[in-house]
C-alpha atoms as a PDB file:
ATOM      1  CA  MET A   1      -0.479  -0.067   0.014  1.00  0.00           C
ATOM      2  CA  GLU A   2       2.640   2.277   0.741  1.00  0.00           C
ATOM      3  CA  TYR A   3       4.508   2.058  -2.900  1.00  0.00           C
ATOM      4  CA  VAL A   4       0.434   3.239  -4.305  1.00  0.00           C
ATOM      5  CA  LYS A   5       0.175   6.031  -1.695  1.00  0.00           C
ATOM      6  CA  LEU A   6       3.857   7.104  -3.033  1.00  0.00           C
ATOM      7  CA  GLY A   7       2.844   6.523  -6.808  1.00  0.00           C
ATOM      8  CA  ILE A   8      -0.294   8.583  -6.185  1.00  0.00           C
ATOM      9  CA  LEU A   9       2.247  11.494  -4.284  1.00  0.00           C
ATOM     10  CA  TRP A  10       4.783  11.798  -7.373  1.00  0.00           C
ATOM     11  CA  LEU A  11       1.891  11.615  -9.660  1.00  0.00           C
ATOM     12  CA  LEU A  12       0.559  14.631  -7.484  1.00  0.00           C
ATOM     13  CA  PHE A  13       3.611  16.421  -8.171  1.00  0.00           C
ATOM     14  CA  PHE A  14       4.397  15.447 -12.242  1.00  0.00           C
ATOM     15  CA  VAL A  15       0.665  15.697 -13.385  1.00  0.00           C
ATOM     16  CA  PRO A  16       0.325  19.814 -12.139  1.00  0.00           C
ATOM     17  CA  HIS A  17       3.909  20.413 -12.987  1.00  0.00           C
ATOM     18  CA  SER A  18       2.963  19.068 -16.646  1.00  0.00           C
ATOM     19  CA  LEU A  19      -0.325  21.046 -17.054  1.00  0.00           C
ATOM     20  CA  LEU A  20       0.564  24.389 -14.985  1.00  0.00           C
ATOM     21  CA  ALA A  21       3.658  24.699 -17.883  1.00  0.00           C
ATOM     22  CA  ALA A  22       1.163  24.129 -20.286  1.00  0.00           C
ATOM     23  CA  ASN A  23       0.563  28.146 -22.320  1.00  0.00           C
ATOM     24  CA  ASN A  24      -3.250  27.619 -22.729  1.00  0.00           C
ATOM     25  CA  ILE A  25      -3.559  26.928 -19.316  1.00  0.00           C
ATOM     26  CA  LYS A  26      -0.891  29.726 -17.995  1.00  0.00           C
ATOM     27  CA  GLU A  27      -2.516  32.570 -20.336  1.00  0.00           C
ATOM     28  CA  ARG A  28      -6.492  30.989 -19.061  1.00  0.00           C
ATOM     29  CA  LEU A  29      -5.112  31.223 -15.401  1.00  0.00           C
ATOM     30  CA  THR A  30      -3.551  34.499 -15.631  1.00  0.00           C
ATOM     31  CA  ARG A  31      -6.201  35.625 -17.673  1.00  0.00           C
ATOM     32  CA  SER A  32      -8.913  34.942 -15.160  1.00  0.00           C
ATOM     33  CA  LEU A  33      -6.800  36.063 -12.324  1.00  0.00           C
ATOM     34  CA  PRO A  34      -4.478  39.169 -13.410  1.00  0.00           C
ATOM     35  CA  ILE A  35      -2.839  38.811  -9.768  1.00  0.00           C
ATOM     36  CA  LEU A  36      -0.947  35.736 -11.253  1.00  0.00           C
ATOM     37  CA  ASN A  37       0.764  37.871 -13.904  1.00  0.00           C
ATOM     38  CA  ARG A  38       3.869  38.822 -12.459  1.00  0.00           C
ATOM     39  CA  SER A  39       3.911  35.926 -10.077  1.00  0.00           C
ATOM     40  CA  TYR A  40       3.006  32.761 -12.400  1.00  0.00           C
ATOM     41  CA  ARG A  41       6.207  31.106 -12.818  1.00  0.00           C
ATOM     42  CA  PHE A  42       7.150  31.712  -9.340  1.00  0.00           C
ATOM     43  CA  ILE A  43       3.784  30.265  -7.498  1.00  0.00           C
ATOM     44  CA  TYR A  44       4.574  27.547 -10.492  1.00  0.00           C
ATOM     45  CA  ASN A  45       8.151  26.930  -8.995  1.00  0.00           C
ATOM     46  CA  LEU A  46       6.901  27.012  -5.072  1.00  0.00           C
ATOM     47  CA  GLN A  47       4.172  24.928  -5.420  1.00  0.00           C
ATOM     48  CA  SER A  48       6.523  22.004  -7.657  1.00  0.00           C
ATOM     49  CA  ILE A  49       9.038  22.403  -4.953  1.00  0.00           C
ATOM     50  CA  LEU A  50       6.083  21.370  -2.034  1.00  0.00           C
ATOM     51  CA  PHE A  51       4.615  18.620  -3.669  1.00  0.00           C
ATOM     52  CA  PHE A  52       8.422  17.782  -4.679  1.00  0.00           C
ATOM     53  CA  THR A  53       9.359  17.644  -1.379  1.00  0.00           C
ATOM     54  CA  TRP A  54       6.063  15.862   0.056  1.00  0.00           C
ATOM     55  CA  ALA A  55       6.467  13.106  -2.327  1.00  0.00           C
ATOM     56  CA  PHE A  56      10.374  12.638  -1.472  1.00  0.00           C
ATOM     57  CA  TYR A  57       9.983  13.115   2.221  1.00  0.00           C
ATOM     58  CA  PHE A  58       7.278  10.239   2.409  1.00  0.00           C
ATOM     59  CA  GLN A  59       9.548   8.193   0.150  1.00  0.00           C
ATOM     60  CA  ARG A  60      11.832   8.115   2.649  1.00  0.00           C
ATOM     61  CA  THR A  61       9.816   7.056   5.177  1.00  0.00           C
ATOM     62  CA  ILE A  62       9.179   3.998   3.723  1.00  0.00           C
ATOM     63  CA  HIS A  63      11.414   0.957   5.060  1.00  0.00           C
ATOM     64  CA  PRO A  64      13.699   0.461   2.463  1.00  0.00           C
ATOM     65  CA  THR A  65      13.722  -3.387   0.876  1.00  0.00           C
ATOM     66  CA  PHE A  66      16.551  -3.582  -1.496  1.00  0.00           C
ATOM     67  CA  LEU A  67      16.417  -4.558  -4.741  1.00  0.00           C
ATOM     68  CA  PHE A  68      19.651  -6.618  -4.543  1.00  0.00           C
ATOM     69  CA  GLU A  69      22.296  -5.712  -1.585  1.00  0.00           C
ATOM     70  CA  PRO A  70      24.347  -2.982  -2.445  1.00  0.00           C
ATOM     71  CA  ILE A  71      27.993  -3.211  -4.088  1.00  0.00           C
ATOM     72  CA  PRO A  72      30.278  -0.595  -2.065  1.00  0.00           C
ATOM     73  CA  LEU A  73      32.433  -0.107  -5.650  1.00  0.00           C
ATOM     74  CA  MET A  74      29.151   0.204  -7.631  1.00  0.00           C
ATOM     75  CA  GLN A  75      27.864   3.116  -4.930  1.00  0.00           C
ATOM     76  CA  SER A  76      31.571   4.426  -5.891  1.00  0.00           C
ATOM     77  CA  PHE A  77      30.854   4.647  -9.157  1.00  0.00           C
ATOM     78  CA  ALA A  78      27.159   5.744  -8.874  1.00  0.00           C
ATOM     79  CA  LEU A  79      27.929   8.653  -6.273  1.00  0.00           C
ATOM     80  CA  LEU A  80      30.649   9.669  -9.533  1.00  0.00           C
ATOM     81  CA  PHE A  81      28.039   9.597 -11.908  1.00  0.00           C
ATOM     82  CA  MET A  82      25.460  11.347  -9.642  1.00  0.00           C
ATOM     83  CA  GLY A  83      28.345  14.178  -9.202  1.00  0.00           C
ATOM     84  CA  VAL A  84      28.692  14.052 -13.152  1.00  0.00           C
ATOM     85  CA  GLY A  85      25.143  14.666 -13.719  1.00  0.00           C
ATOM     86  CA  LEU A  86      24.712  17.430 -10.827  1.00  0.00           C
ATOM     87  CA  THR A  87      27.408  19.171 -12.852  1.00  0.00           C
ATOM     88  CA  LEU A  88      25.615  18.888 -16.200  1.00  0.00           C
ATOM     89  CA  MET A  89      22.786  20.517 -14.485  1.00  0.00           C
ATOM     90  CA  LEU A  90      24.260  23.198 -13.454  1.00  0.00           C
ATOM     91  CA  LEU A  91      26.472  23.857 -16.744  1.00  0.00           C
ATOM     92  CA  SER A  92      22.618  23.540 -18.466  1.00  0.00           C
ATOM     93  CA  PHE A  93      21.493  26.424 -16.750  1.00  0.00           C
ATOM     94  CA  LYS A  94      24.631  28.721 -17.792  1.00  0.00           C
ATOM     95  CA  ASN A  95      22.542  29.230 -20.965  1.00  0.00           C
ATOM     96  CA  TYR A  96      19.323  30.710 -19.033  1.00  0.00           C
ATOM     97  CA  SER A  97      18.720  33.638 -16.784  1.00  0.00           C
ATOM     98  CA  ALA A  98      18.325  32.175 -13.378  1.00  0.00           C
ATOM     99  CA  LYS A  99      16.080  35.312 -12.367  1.00  0.00           C
ATOM    100  CA  GLU A 100      13.500  34.080 -15.329  1.00  0.00           C
ATOM    101  CA  PHE A 101      13.512  30.622 -14.132  1.00  0.00           C
ATOM    102  CA  ILE A 102      12.547  31.087 -10.809  1.00  0.00           C
ATOM    103  CA  GLY A 103      10.128  34.252 -11.717  1.00  0.00           C
ATOM    104  CA  ILE A 104      11.766  37.163  -9.793  1.00  0.00           C
ATOM    105  CA  GLN A 105      12.452  38.802 -13.045  1.00  0.00           C
ATOM    106  CA  GLN A 106       8.840  38.604 -14.204  1.00  0.00           C
ATOM    107  CA  TRP A 107       8.342  39.658 -10.705  1.00  0.00           C
ATOM    108  CA  ARG A 108       9.983  42.797 -10.446  1.00  0.00           C
ATOM    109  CA  GLN A 109       9.062  43.499 -14.590  1.00  0.00           C
ATOM    110  CA  GLN A 110       5.598  42.978 -13.536  1.00  0.00           C
ATOM    111  CA  THR A 111       5.315  40.906 -17.013  1.00  0.00           C
ATOM    112  CA  PHE A 112       3.779  37.799 -17.731  1.00  0.00           C
ATOM    113  CA  ASN A 113       5.817  35.231 -20.175  1.00  0.00           C
ATOM    114  CA  PRO A 114       4.274  32.390 -21.076  1.00  0.00           C
ATOM    115  CA  ALA A 115       7.636  30.903 -22.679  1.00  0.00           C
ATOM    116  CA  LEU A 116      11.198  31.368 -20.686  1.00  0.00           C
ATOM    117  CA  SER A 117      13.063  32.392 -23.310  1.00  0.00           C
ATOM    118  CA  GLU A 118      12.258  34.499 -26.374  1.00  0.00           C
ATOM    119  CA  THR A 119      15.064  33.289 -28.356  1.00  0.00           C
ATOM    120  CA  LEU A 120      15.786  29.608 -29.699  1.00  0.00           C
ATOM    121  CA  ASN A 121      19.228  28.509 -27.600  1.00  0.00           C
ATOM    122  CA  THR A 122      21.260  26.382 -29.276  1.00  0.00           C
ATOM    123  CA  LYS A 123      24.527  27.224 -27.326  1.00  0.00           C
ATOM    124  CA  GLY A 124      26.482  25.346 -24.616  1.00  0.00           C
ATOM    125  CA  LEU A 125      25.103  22.109 -23.952  1.00  0.00           C
ATOM    126  CA  ASN A 126      22.251  22.324 -26.039  1.00  0.00           C
ATOM    127  CA  GLN A 127      24.155  22.072 -28.958  1.00  0.00           C
ATOM    128  CA  TYR A 128      25.150  18.684 -28.294  1.00  0.00           C
ATOM    129  CA  ALA A 129      21.497  17.882 -26.739  1.00  0.00           C
ATOM    130  CA  ARG A 130      18.076  19.495 -27.331  1.00  0.00           C
ATOM    131  CA  HIS A 131      17.008  18.914 -23.631  1.00  0.00           C
ATOM    132  CA  PRO A 132      20.492  18.832 -21.401  1.00  0.00           C
ATOM    133  CA  LEU A 133      18.859  19.185 -18.067  1.00  0.00           C
ATOM    134  CA  TYR A 134      17.099  16.619 -18.493  1.00  0.00           C
ATOM    135  CA  THR A 135      19.561  14.228 -20.178  1.00  0.00           C
ATOM    136  CA  ALA A 136      21.786  15.236 -16.715  1.00  0.00           C
ATOM    137  CA  SER A 137      18.337  14.326 -14.638  1.00  0.00           C
ATOM    138  CA  PHE A 138      18.383  11.111 -16.125  1.00  0.00           C
ATOM    139  CA  ILE A 139      22.025  10.397 -15.361  1.00  0.00           C
ATOM    140  CA  PHE A 140      21.600  11.451 -11.630  1.00  0.00           C
ATOM    141  CA  LEU A 141      18.462   9.883 -11.198  1.00  0.00           C
ATOM    142  CA  TRP A 142      19.971   6.189 -12.227  1.00  0.00           C
ATOM    143  CA  SER A 143      22.834   6.329 -10.564  1.00  0.00           C
ATOM    144  CA  TYR A 144      20.846   7.603  -7.148  1.00  0.00           C
ATOM    145  CA  LEU A 145      19.259   3.725  -7.797  1.00  0.00           C
ATOM    146  CA  LEU A 146      22.349   2.185  -7.619  1.00  0.00           C
ATOM    147  CA  TYR A 147      23.530   4.067  -5.236  1.00  0.00           C
ATOM    148  CA  LYS A 148      20.397   2.987  -3.364  1.00  0.00           C
ATOM    149  CA  PRO A 149      18.702   0.113  -4.847  1.00  0.00           C
ATOM    150  CA  HIS A 150      15.305   0.288  -3.250  1.00  0.00           C
ATOM    151  CA  TYR A 151      12.195  -0.849  -4.327  1.00  0.00           C
ATOM    152  CA  ALA A 152      10.973   2.958  -3.967  1.00  0.00           C
ATOM    153  CA  ASN A 153      13.513   4.455  -5.426  1.00  0.00           C
ATOM    154  CA  LEU A 154      12.871   2.374  -8.355  1.00  0.00           C
ATOM    155  CA  GLU A 155       9.510   3.603  -8.530  1.00  0.00           C
ATOM    156  CA  PHE A 156      10.947   7.362  -8.174  1.00  0.00           C
ATOM    157  CA  VAL A 157      13.191   6.651 -10.795  1.00  0.00           C
ATOM    158  CA  LEU A 158      10.948   4.693 -13.570  1.00  0.00           C
ATOM    159  CA  LEU A 159       7.808   7.475 -13.163  1.00  0.00           C
ATOM    160  CA  SER A 160      10.570  10.291 -13.016  1.00  0.00           C
ATOM    161  CA  SER A 161      12.085   8.793 -16.392  1.00  0.00           C
ATOM    162  CA  LEU A 162       8.413   8.209 -17.878  1.00  0.00           C
ATOM    163  CA  TYR A 163       7.560  11.923 -16.726  1.00  0.00           C
ATOM    164  CA  LEU A 164      11.178  12.949 -18.099  1.00  0.00           C
ATOM    165  CA  VAL A 165      10.088  11.543 -21.576  1.00  0.00           C
ATOM    166  CA  VAL A 166       6.658  12.661 -21.835  1.00  0.00           C
ATOM    167  CA  GLY A 167       7.696  16.105 -20.749  1.00  0.00           C
ATOM    168  CA  THR A 168      10.333  16.563 -23.511  1.00  0.00           C
ATOM    169  CA  HIS A 169       7.259  15.721 -26.126  1.00  0.00           C
ATOM    170  CA  LEU A 170       5.431  18.341 -24.485  1.00  0.00           C
ATOM    171  CA  GLU A 171       7.956  20.531 -24.303  1.00  0.00           C
ATOM    172  CA  GLU A 172       9.236  20.246 -27.770  1.00  0.00           C
ATOM    173  CA  GLN A 173       5.357  20.969 -29.168  1.00  0.00           C
ATOM    174  CA  LYS A 174       5.234  24.167 -27.231  1.00  0.00           C
ATOM    175  CA  LEU A 175       8.714  24.761 -28.562  1.00  0.00           C
ATOM    176  CA  ILE A 176       7.943  24.059 -32.014  1.00  0.00           C
ATOM    177  CA  THR A 177       4.943  26.745 -31.779  1.00  0.00           C
ATOM    178  CA  GLN A 178       6.885  29.278 -30.308  1.00  0.00           C
ATOM    179  CA  PHE A 179       9.854  28.990 -33.046  1.00  0.00           C
ATOM    180  CA  GLY A 180       8.113  27.181 -35.791  1.00  0.00           C
ATOM    181  CA  LYS A 181      10.813  26.192 -38.759  1.00  0.00           C
ATOM    182  CA  LYS A 182      13.633  27.051 -36.668  1.00  0.00           C
ATOM    183  CA  TYR A 183      13.070  24.666 -34.130  1.00  0.00           C
ATOM    184  CA  LYS A 184      12.123  21.880 -36.259  1.00  0.00           C
ATOM    185  CA  GLU A 185      15.709  22.483 -38.195  1.00  0.00           C
ATOM    186  CA  TYR A 186      17.546  22.311 -34.334  1.00  0.00           C
ATOM    187  CA  GLN A 187      15.685  18.951 -34.363  1.00  0.00           C
ATOM    188  CA  LYS A 188      17.163  17.079 -37.389  1.00  0.00           C
ATOM    189  CA  LYS A 189      20.703  18.562 -36.182  1.00  0.00           C
ATOM    190  CA  VAL A 190      20.760  17.856 -32.339  1.00  0.00           C
ATOM    191  CA  GLY A 191      19.357  15.005 -30.488  1.00  0.00           C
ATOM    192  CA  ARG A 192      16.916  14.999 -27.978  1.00  0.00           C
ATOM    193  CA  PHE A 193      18.872  13.787 -24.889  1.00  0.00           C
ATOM    194  CA  TRP A 194      21.929  13.197 -26.649  1.00  0.00           C
END
């Protein structure tokens, strides 16, 4: 029963995270609640952090049942690759404004921008993968599972991986709408994850 609850909690994080990121939902909400115009991105991130923390905390309360007995050498490699994943995440963010990503810029400028960026960014890690942050997340997640091979972590990693694949598809639809032919050309040249 704990694993069912855990799955529900992760869905409570993933589903609103995707739905509230959709431009048509953002625009509808900000139209009906104008106060959200400048705070939408900030509130979106806040609710995401709260739901993620709730699900991850519950996951940590589940008594660990091992998929297999951890091997110290494997755990050392897993830690190394978790570090690689985190480093790639940080490098992925170099192409974007942290203030805009968090929602501080929109708050200060009192503007609403449904898209995070007005220009298609193909520099940095984006020249090697269209979604380098998601690639880094895959590396981190699967390394985390090897480091702590529990059934609860397996559920988390599988659901997260599915979410990342679905999330990239949804994000690419938005990017095609926003950048059109330019993004389609980019898709031909650069792989989704590598």
